[in-house]
């Protein structure tokens, strides 16, 4: 489920070339504050994937909402105590 969420988020990424040492820039509008850069598009995409993973973990730790991406969402599962 986590992998599918990340892959779906990466499909929504927007990339551009900027005037910088790492000219490839990527961000995901649906995930506030999630962006990365890289010397190549592949490096930027890999960095973005790591940023998404960290963003999810931090959001869970702080109890922040994680938006649904496509058909995928991450939420706490409440288990019934028998």
PDB file of N, CA and C in Angstrom:
ATOM      1  N   UNK A   1       0.810  -1.193   0.000  1.00  0.00           N
ATOM      2  CA  UNK A   1       0.000   0.000   0.000  1.00  0.00           C
ATOM      3  C   UNK A   1       0.857   1.262   0.000  1.00  0.00           C
ATOM      4  N   UNK A   2       1.904   1.273   0.807  1.00  0.00           N
ATOM      5  CA  UNK A   2       2.782   2.436   0.867  1.00  0.00           C
ATOM      6  C   UNK A   2       3.494   2.647  -0.466  1.00  0.00           C
ATOM      7  N   UNK A   3       3.972   1.560  -1.049  1.00  0.00           N
ATOM      8  CA  UNK A   3       4.665   1.642  -2.334  1.00  0.00           C
ATOM      9  C   UNK A   3       3.741   2.180  -3.421  1.00  0.00           C
ATOM     10  N   UNK A   4       2.505   1.699  -3.427  1.00  0.00           N
ATOM     11  CA  UNK A   4       1.541   2.153  -4.428  1.00  0.00           C
ATOM     12  C   UNK A   4       1.231   3.639  -4.257  1.00  0.00           C
ATOM     13  N   UNK A   5       1.129   4.086  -3.006  1.00  0.00           N
ATOM     14  CA  UNK A   5       0.863   5.500  -2.725  1.00  0.00           C
ATOM     15  C   UNK A   5       2.010   6.363  -3.271  1.00  0.00           C
ATOM     16  N   UNK A   6       3.228   5.943  -2.992  1.00  0.00           N
ATOM     17  CA  UNK A   6       4.406   6.701  -3.448  1.00  0.00           C
ATOM     18  C   UNK A   6       4.470   6.721  -4.969  1.00  0.00           C
ATOM     19  N   UNK A   7       4.232   5.584  -5.611  1.00  0.00           N
ATOM     20  CA  UNK A   7       4.265   5.526  -7.076  1.00  0.00           C
ATOM     21  C   UNK A   7       3.181   6.424  -7.683  1.00  0.00           C
ATOM     22  N   UNK A   8       2.008   6.429  -7.082  1.00  0.00           N
ATOM     23  CA  UNK A   8       0.924   7.290  -7.573  1.00  0.00           C
ATOM     24  C   UNK A   8       1.289   8.767  -7.395  1.00  0.00           C
ATOM     25  N   UNK A   9       1.915   9.092  -6.266  1.00  0.00           N
ATOM     26  CA  UNK A   9       2.348  10.470  -6.026  1.00  0.00           C
ATOM     27  C   UNK A   9       3.393  10.888  -7.060  1.00  0.00           C
ATOM     28  N   UNK A  10       4.321   9.987  -7.385  1.00  0.00           N
ATOM     29  CA  UNK A  10       5.350  10.301  -8.378  1.00  0.00           C
ATOM     30  C   UNK A  10       4.745  10.551  -9.759  1.00  0.00           C
ATOM     31  N   UNK A  11       3.620   9.908 -10.053  1.00  0.00           N
ATOM     32  CA  UNK A  11       2.945  10.147 -11.335  1.00  0.00           C
ATOM     33  C   UNK A  11       2.405  11.576 -11.413  1.00  0.00           C
ATOM     34  N   UNK A  12       2.147  12.171 -10.255  1.00  0.00           N
ATOM     35  CA  UNK A  12       1.598  13.525 -10.213  1.00  0.00           C
ATOM     36  C   UNK A  12       2.696  14.589 -10.136  1.00  0.00           C
ATOM     37  N   UNK A  13       3.948  14.154 -10.094  1.00  0.00           N
ATOM     38  CA  UNK A  13       5.067  15.089  -9.976  1.00  0.00           C
ATOM     39  C   UNK A  13       5.167  15.975 -11.210  1.00  0.00           C
ATOM     40  N   UNK A  14       5.576  17.204 -10.963  1.00  0.00           N
ATOM     41  CA  UNK A  14       5.813  18.174 -12.041  1.00  0.00           C
ATOM     42  C   UNK A  14       7.302  18.510 -11.996  1.00  0.00           C
ATOM     43  N   UNK A  15       7.959  18.391 -13.123  1.00  0.00           N
ATOM     44  CA  UNK A  15       9.396  18.627 -13.211  1.00  0.00           C
ATOM     45  C   UNK A  15       9.674  19.831 -14.094  1.00  0.00           C
ATOM     46  N   UNK A  16      10.760  20.526 -13.762  1.00  0.00           N
ATOM     47  CA  UNK A  16      11.208  21.630 -14.601  1.00  0.00           C
ATOM     48  C   UNK A  16      12.717  21.773 -14.473  1.00  0.00           C
ATOM     49  N   UNK A  17      13.297  22.481 -15.406  1.00  0.00           N
ATOM     50  CA  UNK A  17      14.730  22.749 -15.365  1.00  0.00           C
ATOM     51  C   UNK A  17      14.914  24.162 -14.848  1.00  0.00           C
ATOM     52  N   UNK A  18      15.764  24.293 -13.829  1.00  0.00           N
ATOM     53  CA  UNK A  18      16.026  25.594 -13.215  1.00  0.00           C
ATOM     54  C   UNK A  18      17.501  25.942 -13.379  1.00  0.00           C
ATOM     55  N   UNK A  19      17.833  27.185 -13.175  1.00  0.00           N
ATOM     56  CA  UNK A  19      19.217  27.651 -13.274  1.00  0.00           C
ATOM     57  C   UNK A  19      19.899  27.408 -11.924  1.00  0.00           C
ATOM     58  N   UNK A  20      20.475  26.213 -11.772  1.00  0.00           N
ATOM     59  CA  UNK A  20      21.071  25.823 -10.508  1.00  0.00           C
ATOM     60  C   UNK A  20      22.117  24.749 -10.755  1.00  0.00           C
ATOM     61  N   UNK A  21      22.923  24.473  -9.744  1.00  0.00           N
ATOM     62  CA  UNK A  21      23.918  23.411  -9.806  1.00  0.00           C
ATOM     63  C   UNK A  21      23.252  22.055 -10.038  1.00  0.00           C
ATOM     64  N   UNK A  22      22.066  21.892  -9.460  1.00  0.00           N
ATOM     65  CA  UNK A  22      21.233  20.713  -9.705  1.00  0.00           C
ATOM     66  C   UNK A  22      20.006  21.211 -10.475  1.00  0.00           C
ATOM     67  N   UNK A  23      20.082  21.190 -11.791  1.00  0.00           N
ATOM     68  CA  UNK A  23      19.077  21.886 -12.601  1.00  0.00           C
ATOM     69  C   UNK A  23      17.700  21.226 -12.707  1.00  0.00           C
ATOM     70  N   UNK A  24      17.579  19.972 -12.319  1.00  0.00           N
ATOM     71  CA  UNK A  24      16.272  19.324 -12.406  1.00  0.00           C
ATOM     72  C   UNK A  24      15.541  19.492 -11.083  1.00  0.00           C
ATOM     73  N   UNK A  25      14.337  20.031 -11.155  1.00  0.00           N
ATOM     74  CA  UNK A  25      13.533  20.323  -9.977  1.00  0.00           C
ATOM     75  C   UNK A  25      12.193  19.612 -10.127  1.00  0.00           C
ATOM     76  N   UNK A  26      11.737  18.981  -9.065  1.00  0.00           N
ATOM     77  CA  UNK A  26      10.450  18.300  -9.096  1.00  0.00           C
ATOM     78  C   UNK A  26       9.663  18.559  -7.832  1.00  0.00           C
ATOM     79  N   UNK A  27       8.350  18.644  -7.974  1.00  0.00           N
ATOM     80  CA  UNK A  27       7.488  18.824  -6.814  1.00  0.00           C
ATOM     81  C   UNK A  27       6.147  18.161  -7.068  1.00  0.00           C
ATOM     82  N   UNK A  28       5.426  17.936  -5.973  1.00  0.00           N
ATOM     83  CA  UNK A  28       4.102  17.333  -6.049  1.00  0.00           C
ATOM     84  C   UNK A  28       3.152  18.290  -5.348  1.00  0.00           C
ATOM     85  N   UNK A  29       2.304  18.939  -6.118  1.00  0.00           N
ATOM     86  CA  UNK A  29       1.410  19.959  -5.574  1.00  0.00           C
ATOM     87  C   UNK A  29       0.496  19.422  -4.478  1.00  0.00           C
ATOM     88  N   UNK A  30       0.062  18.175  -4.609  1.00  0.00           N
ATOM     89  CA  UNK A  30      -0.867  17.594  -3.639  1.00  0.00           C
ATOM     90  C   UNK A  30      -0.231  17.357  -2.273  1.00  0.00           C
ATOM     91  N   UNK A  31       1.099  17.277  -2.234  1.00  0.00           N
ATOM     92  CA  UNK A  31       1.814  17.025  -0.984  1.00  0.00           C
ATOM     93  C   UNK A  31       2.604  18.281  -0.622  1.00  0.00           C
ATOM     94  N   UNK A  32       2.036  19.081   0.252  1.00  0.00           N
ATOM     95  CA  UNK A  32       2.608  20.381   0.604  1.00  0.00           C
ATOM     96  C   UNK A  32       4.036  20.240   1.137  1.00  0.00           C
ATOM     97  N   UNK A  33       4.952  20.978   0.511  1.00  0.00           N
ATOM     98  CA  UNK A  33       6.341  20.992   0.939  1.00  0.00           C
ATOM     99  C   UNK A  33       7.203  19.882   0.375  1.00  0.00           C
ATOM    100  N   UNK A  34       6.644  19.045  -0.485  1.00  0.00           N
ATOM    101  CA  UNK A  34       7.412  17.934  -1.057  1.00  0.00           C
ATOM    102  C   UNK A  34       8.020  18.373  -2.385  1.00  0.00           C
ATOM    103  N   UNK A  35       9.358  18.470  -2.401  1.00  0.00           N
ATOM    104  CA  UNK A  35      10.070  18.843  -3.620  1.00  0.00           C
ATOM    105  C   UNK A  35      11.486  18.279  -3.531  1.00  0.00           C
ATOM    106  N   UNK A  36      12.169  18.227  -4.663  1.00  0.00           N
ATOM    107  CA  UNK A  36      13.566  17.789  -4.694  1.00  0.00           C
ATOM    108  C   UNK A  36      14.236  18.356  -5.933  1.00  0.00           C
ATOM    109  N   UNK A  37      15.545  18.156  -5.984  1.00  0.00           N
ATOM    110  CA  UNK A  37      16.304  18.555  -7.170  1.00  0.00           C
ATOM    111  C   UNK A  37      17.353  17.479  -7.431  1.00  0.00           C
ATOM    112  N   UNK A  38      18.006  17.576  -8.578  1.00  0.00           N
ATOM    113  CA  UNK A  38      19.038  16.613  -8.923  1.00  0.00           C
ATOM    114  C   UNK A  38      19.802  17.057 -10.158  1.00  0.00           C
ATOM    115  N   UNK A  39      20.930  16.424 -10.373  1.00  0.00           N
ATOM    116  CA  UNK A  39      21.751  16.747 -11.544  1.00  0.00           C
ATOM    117  C   UNK A  39      21.176  16.131 -12.810  1.00  0.00           C
ATOM    118  N   UNK A  40      20.378  15.071 -12.652  1.00  0.00           N
ATOM    119  CA  UNK A  40      19.685  14.445 -13.782  1.00  0.00           C
ATOM    120  C   UNK A  40      18.219  14.276 -13.384  1.00  0.00           C
ATOM    121  N   UNK A  41      17.377  14.027 -14.358  1.00  0.00           N
ATOM    122  CA  UNK A  41      15.966  13.793 -14.072  1.00  0.00           C
ATOM    123  C   UNK A  41      15.800  12.542 -13.200  1.00  0.00           C
ATOM    124  N   UNK A  42      16.573  11.511 -13.490  1.00  0.00           N
ATOM    125  CA  UNK A  42      16.501  10.275 -12.705  1.00  0.00           C
ATOM    126  C   UNK A  42      16.900  10.530 -11.249  1.00  0.00           C
ATOM    127  N   UNK A  43      17.960  11.293 -11.042  1.00  0.00           N
ATOM    128  CA  UNK A  43      18.393  11.622  -9.676  1.00  0.00           C
ATOM    129  C   UNK A  43      17.324  12.441  -8.962  1.00  0.00           C
ATOM    130  N   UNK A  44      16.730  13.386  -9.659  1.00  0.00           N
ATOM    131  CA  UNK A  44      15.673  14.201  -9.085  1.00  0.00           C
ATOM    132  C   UNK A  44      14.493  13.326  -8.674  1.00  0.00           C
ATOM    133  N   UNK A  45      14.110  12.409  -9.534  1.00  0.00           N
ATOM    134  CA  UNK A  45      12.989  11.503  -9.245  1.00  0.00           C
ATOM    135  C   UNK A  45      13.299  10.610  -8.050  1.00  0.00           C
ATOM    136  N   UNK A  46      14.505  10.075  -7.974  1.00  0.00           N
ATOM    137  CA  UNK A  46      14.903   9.237  -6.833  1.00  0.00           C
ATOM    138  C   UNK A  46      14.905  10.050  -5.539  1.00  0.00           C
ATOM    139  N   UNK A  47      15.408  11.277  -5.618  1.00  0.00           N
ATOM    140  CA  UNK A  47      15.402  12.154  -4.446  1.00  0.00           C
ATOM    141  C   UNK A  47      13.973  12.468  -4.013  1.00  0.00           C
ATOM    142  N   UNK A  48      13.113  12.685  -4.983  1.00  0.00           N
ATOM    143  CA  UNK A  48      11.720  13.001  -4.692  1.00  0.00           C
ATOM    144  C   UNK A  48      11.043  11.819  -3.990  1.00  0.00           C
ATOM    145  N   UNK A  49      11.364  10.622  -4.430  1.00  0.00           N
ATOM    146  CA  UNK A  49      10.814   9.421  -3.794  1.00  0.00           C
ATOM    147  C   UNK A  49      11.225   9.358  -2.325  1.00  0.00           C
ATOM    148  N   UNK A  50      12.482   9.648  -2.026  1.00  0.00           N
ATOM    149  CA  UNK A  50      12.966   9.648  -0.642  1.00  0.00           C
ATOM    150  C   UNK A  50      12.284  10.741   0.177  1.00  0.00           C
ATOM    151  N   UNK A  51      12.073  11.889  -0.431  1.00  0.00           N
ATOM    152  CA  UNK A  51      11.392  12.986   0.259  1.00  0.00           C
ATOM    153  C   UNK A  51       9.955  12.588   0.602  1.00  0.00           C
ATOM    154  N   UNK A  52       9.270  11.937  -0.323  1.00  0.00           N
ATOM    155  CA  UNK A  52       7.897  11.491  -0.071  1.00  0.00           C
ATOM    156  C   UNK A  52       7.876  10.523   1.111  1.00  0.00           C
ATOM    157  N   UNK A  53       8.804   9.566   1.121  1.00  0.00           N
ATOM    158  CA  UNK A  53       8.869   8.598   2.215  1.00  0.00           C
ATOM    159  C   UNK A  53       9.058   9.307   3.547  1.00  0.00           C
ATOM    160  N   UNK A  54       9.986  10.233   3.618  1.00  0.00           N
ATOM    161  CA  UNK A  54      10.233  10.983   4.847  1.00  0.00           C
ATOM    162  C   UNK A  54       9.046  11.832   5.243  1.00  0.00           C
ATOM    163  N   UNK A  55       8.404  12.445   4.256  1.00  0.00           N
ATOM    164  CA  UNK A  55       7.235  13.290   4.513  1.00  0.00           C
ATOM    165  C   UNK A  55       6.101  12.465   5.112  1.00  0.00           C
ATOM    166  N   UNK A  56       5.889  11.264   4.587  1.00  0.00           N
ATOM    167  CA  UNK A  56       4.845  10.373   5.112  1.00  0.00           C
ATOM    168  C   UNK A  56       5.152  10.006   6.563  1.00  0.00           C
ATOM    169  N   UNK A  57       6.391   9.584   6.830  1.00  0.00           N
ATOM    170  CA  UNK A  57       6.765   9.185   8.192  1.00  0.00           C
ATOM    171  C   UNK A  57       6.611  10.338   9.172  1.00  0.00           C
ATOM    172  N   UNK A  58       7.036  11.524   8.783  1.00  0.00           N
ATOM    173  CA  UNK A  58       6.910  12.691   9.654  1.00  0.00           C
ATOM    174  C   UNK A  58       5.441  13.048   9.879  1.00  0.00           C
ATOM    175  N   UNK A  59       4.647  12.962   8.827  1.00  0.00           N
ATOM    176  CA  UNK A  59       3.219  13.258   8.951  1.00  0.00           C
ATOM    177  C   UNK A  59       2.545  12.288   9.918  1.00  0.00           C
ATOM    178  N   UNK A  60       2.902  11.008   9.826  1.00  0.00           N
ATOM    179  CA  UNK A  60       2.335  10.006  10.731  1.00  0.00           C
ATOM    180  C   UNK A  60       2.765  10.301  12.167  1.00  0.00           C
ATOM    181  N   UNK A  61       4.044  10.568  12.347  1.00  0.00           N
ATOM    182  CA  UNK A  61       4.577  10.834  13.691  1.00  0.00           C
ATOM    183  C   UNK A  61       3.902  12.037  14.336  1.00  0.00           C
ATOM    184  N   UNK A  62       3.643  13.076  13.554  1.00  0.00           N
ATOM    185  CA  UNK A  62       3.047  14.297  14.082  1.00  0.00           C
ATOM    186  C   UNK A  62       1.516  14.289  14.043  1.00  0.00           C
ATOM    187  N   UNK A  63       0.942  13.221  13.508  1.00  0.00           N
ATOM    188  CA  UNK A  63      -0.507  13.125  13.427  1.00  0.00           C
ATOM    189  C   UNK A  63      -1.122  14.074  12.416  1.00  0.00           C
ATOM    190  N   UNK A  64      -0.353  14.415  11.388  1.00  0.00           N
ATOM    191  CA  UNK A  64      -0.843  15.321  10.342  1.00  0.00           C
ATOM    192  C   UNK A  64      -1.611  14.534   9.285  1.00  0.00           C
ATOM    193  N   UNK A  65      -2.587  15.166   8.653  1.00  0.00           N
ATOM    194  CA  UNK A  65      -3.342  14.461   7.615  1.00  0.00           C
ATOM    195  C   UNK A  65      -2.481  14.191   6.379  1.00  0.00           C
ATOM    196  N   UNK A  66      -2.713  13.057   5.779  1.00  0.00           N
ATOM    197  CA  UNK A  66      -2.022  12.687   4.543  1.00  0.00           C
ATOM    198  C   UNK A  66      -3.100  12.612   3.468  1.00  0.00           C
ATOM    199  N   UNK A  67      -2.996  13.463   2.451  1.00  0.00           N
ATOM    200  CA  UNK A  67      -4.061  13.485   1.440  1.00  0.00           C
ATOM    201  C   UNK A  67      -4.116  12.209   0.608  1.00  0.00           C
ATOM    202  N   UNK A  68      -5.300  11.906   0.164  1.00  0.00           N
ATOM    203  CA  UNK A  68      -5.517  10.782  -0.749  1.00  0.00           C
ATOM    204  C   UNK A  68      -4.909  11.151  -2.096  1.00  0.00           C
ATOM    205  N   UNK A  69      -4.212  10.205  -2.704  1.00  0.00           N
ATOM    206  CA  UNK A  69      -3.624  10.398  -4.033  1.00  0.00           C
ATOM    207  C   UNK A  69      -4.237   9.336  -4.934  1.00  0.00           C
ATOM    208  N   UNK A  70      -5.022   9.766  -5.914  1.00  0.00           N
ATOM    209  CA  UNK A  70      -5.707   8.801  -6.767  1.00  0.00           C
ATOM    210  C   UNK A  70      -6.619   7.938  -5.923  1.00  0.00           C
ATOM    211  N   UNK A  71      -6.469   6.621  -6.026  1.00  0.00           N
ATOM    212  CA  UNK A  71      -7.270   5.681  -5.241  1.00  0.00           C
ATOM    213  C   UNK A  71      -6.578   5.266  -3.949  1.00  0.00           C
ATOM    214  N   UNK A  72      -5.442   5.883  -3.638  1.00  0.00           N
ATOM    215  CA  UNK A  72      -4.634   5.443  -2.506  1.00  0.00           C
ATOM    216  C   UNK A  72      -4.655   6.460  -1.374  1.00  0.00           C
ATOM    217  N   UNK A  73      -4.766   5.941  -0.152  1.00  0.00           N
ATOM    218  CA  UNK A  73      -4.670   6.806   1.015  1.00  0.00           C
ATOM    219  C   UNK A  73      -3.988   6.044   2.140  1.00  0.00           C
ATOM    220  N   UNK A  74      -3.358   6.803   3.002  1.00  0.00           N
ATOM    221  CA  UNK A  74      -2.668   6.232   4.150  1.00  0.00           C
ATOM    222  C   UNK A  74      -3.384   6.763   5.379  1.00  0.00           C
ATOM    223  N   UNK A  75      -3.862   5.833   6.191  1.00  0.00           N
ATOM    224  CA  UNK A  75      -4.536   6.257   7.404  1.00  0.00           C
ATOM    225  C   UNK A  75      -4.321   5.199   8.477  1.00  0.00           C
ATOM    226  N   UNK A  76      -4.501   5.629   9.713  1.00  0.00           N
ATOM    227  CA  UNK A  76      -4.332   4.736  10.836  1.00  0.00           C
ATOM    228  C   UNK A  76      -5.456   3.714  10.853  1.00  0.00           C
ATOM    229  N   UNK A  77      -5.102   2.487  11.109  1.00  0.00           N
ATOM    230  CA  UNK A  77      -6.106   1.426  11.181  1.00  0.00           C
ATOM    231  C   UNK A  77      -6.421   1.204  12.651  1.00  0.00           C
ATOM    232  N   UNK A  78      -7.679   1.314  12.968  1.00  0.00           N
ATOM    233  CA  UNK A  78      -8.143   1.074  14.339  1.00  0.00           C
ATOM    234  C   UNK A  78      -8.541  -0.391  14.453  1.00  0.00           C
ATOM    235  N   UNK A  79      -7.874  -1.121  15.321  1.00  0.00           N
ATOM    236  CA  UNK A  79      -8.203  -2.525  15.515  1.00  0.00           C
ATOM    237  C   UNK A  79      -9.131  -2.665  16.719  1.00  0.00           C
ATOM    238  N   UNK A  80     -10.126  -3.489  16.567  1.00  0.00           N
ATOM    239  CA  UNK A  80     -11.037  -3.760  17.668  1.00  0.00           C
ATOM    240  C   UNK A  80     -10.346  -4.685  18.666  1.00  0.00           C
ATOM    241  N   UNK A  81     -10.531  -4.376  19.932  1.00  0.00           N
ATOM    242  CA  UNK A  81      -9.965  -5.220  20.982  1.00  0.00           C
ATOM    243  C   UNK A  81     -11.020  -6.248  21.373  1.00  0.00           C
ATOM    244  N   UNK A  82     -10.655  -7.515  21.271  1.00  0.00           N
ATOM    245  CA  UNK A  82     -11.629  -8.588  21.547  1.00  0.00           C
ATOM    246  C   UNK A  82     -11.769  -8.844  23.020  1.00  0.00           C
TER     247      UNK A  82
END
